[in-house]
């Protein structure tokens, strides 16, 4: 698709450069998405439409800090990883 993505067991849990180089997208649970978008509304926003209601969350990279992005990536990985790989 022309942008890097991150996968676990063949499932994408994060994407860089979508919709452009200023952004990334993580695939969260609805609960995690609700928490992170309320705590960091200038950095994390649900993707418009059904993908967003399913947990796809846009990250404005310029506004993000490493700790919060790390938390979001770990949550996205946990959502996508099979039980045998999760802690």
Protein backbone atom coordinates (compact mmCIF):
# COMPACT_ATOMS: atom_id res chain seq x y z
CA UNK A 1 0.00 0.00 0.00
CA UNK A 2 3.02 2.31 -0.13
CA UNK A 3 3.52 2.81 3.61
CA UNK A 4 5.17 0.67 6.32
CA UNK A 5 3.03 -1.45 8.57
CA UNK A 6 3.71 -3.56 11.63
CA UNK A 7 2.30 -7.05 11.99
CA UNK A 8 2.01 -9.84 14.49
CA UNK A 9 1.05 -13.31 13.23
CA UNK A 10 0.16 -11.73 9.87
CA UNK A 11 -2.22 -9.11 11.34
CA UNK A 12 -1.52 -5.40 11.00
CA UNK A 13 -1.56 -3.60 14.34
CA UNK A 14 0.05 -0.28 13.30
CA UNK A 15 0.79 1.68 10.15
CA UNK A 16 3.14 4.62 9.52
CA UNK A 17 2.51 7.35 6.99
CA UNK A 18 -1.24 6.96 6.63
CA UNK A 19 -3.00 8.98 5.37
CA UNK A 20 0.27 10.93 4.96
CA UNK A 21 3.71 11.20 6.60
CA UNK A 22 2.40 13.31 9.49
CA UNK A 23 0.37 10.40 10.84
CA UNK A 24 0.35 6.82 12.01
CA UNK A 25 -2.58 4.52 12.77
CA UNK A 26 -2.94 1.92 15.52
CA UNK A 27 -5.64 -0.70 15.88
CA UNK A 28 -6.98 -0.54 19.45
CA UNK A 29 -9.89 -2.00 21.35
CA UNK A 30 -12.83 0.38 21.65
CA UNK A 31 -12.05 0.72 25.36
CA UNK A 32 -8.37 1.60 24.78
CA UNK A 33 -9.34 3.99 22.00
CA UNK A 34 -11.82 5.76 24.27
CA UNK A 35 -9.23 6.18 27.04
CA UNK A 36 -6.38 7.42 24.88
CA UNK A 37 -8.48 9.81 22.79
CA UNK A 38 -9.96 11.38 25.94
CA UNK A 39 -6.54 11.72 27.60
CA UNK A 40 -4.74 12.99 24.46
CA UNK A 41 -7.36 14.54 22.13
CA UNK A 42 -4.82 16.57 20.13
CA UNK A 43 -2.71 13.50 19.40
CA UNK A 44 -5.12 10.55 19.04
CA UNK A 45 -8.34 10.63 17.00
CA UNK A 46 -10.54 7.75 15.80
CA UNK A 47 -10.26 7.13 12.07
CA UNK A 48 -13.48 8.37 10.38
CA UNK A 49 -16.16 5.80 9.59
CA UNK A 50 -16.48 2.14 10.48
CA UNK A 51 -12.72 1.57 10.83
CA UNK A 52 -12.64 4.16 13.60
CA UNK A 53 -15.63 2.64 15.37
CA UNK A 54 -13.72 -0.66 15.23
CA UNK A 55 -10.72 0.83 17.04
CA UNK A 56 -8.56 2.25 14.25
CA UNK A 57 -6.98 5.37 15.76
CA UNK A 58 -4.95 8.07 14.04
CA UNK A 59 -1.85 9.47 15.76
CA UNK A 60 -0.64 12.97 14.89
CA UNK A 61 3.08 12.24 15.18
CA UNK A 62 4.18 15.83 15.77
CA UNK A 63 1.97 16.06 18.88
CA UNK A 64 2.87 12.60 20.22
CA UNK A 65 5.37 11.72 22.91
CA UNK A 66 7.31 8.46 23.00
CA UNK A 67 5.72 7.13 26.18
CA UNK A 68 2.14 7.54 24.95
CA UNK A 69 2.91 6.09 21.52
CA UNK A 70 4.63 3.13 23.19
CA UNK A 71 1.50 2.50 25.29
CA UNK A 72 -0.70 2.69 22.18
CA UNK A 73 1.57 0.34 20.21
CA UNK A 74 1.63 -2.19 23.05
CA UNK A 75 -2.17 -2.07 23.32
CA UNK A 76 -2.51 -2.51 19.54
CA UNK A 77 -0.07 -5.44 19.58
CA UNK A 78 -1.98 -7.08 22.45
CA UNK A 79 -5.24 -6.72 20.52
CA UNK A 80 -3.84 -8.33 17.38
CA UNK A 81 -1.53 -11.00 18.80
CA UNK A 82 -2.75 -14.56 19.23
CA UNK A 83 -3.19 -15.77 22.82
CA UNK A 84 -0.04 -17.93 22.64
CA UNK A 85 2.11 -14.75 22.17
CA UNK A 86 0.35 -12.44 24.65
CA UNK A 87 1.66 -11.96 28.16
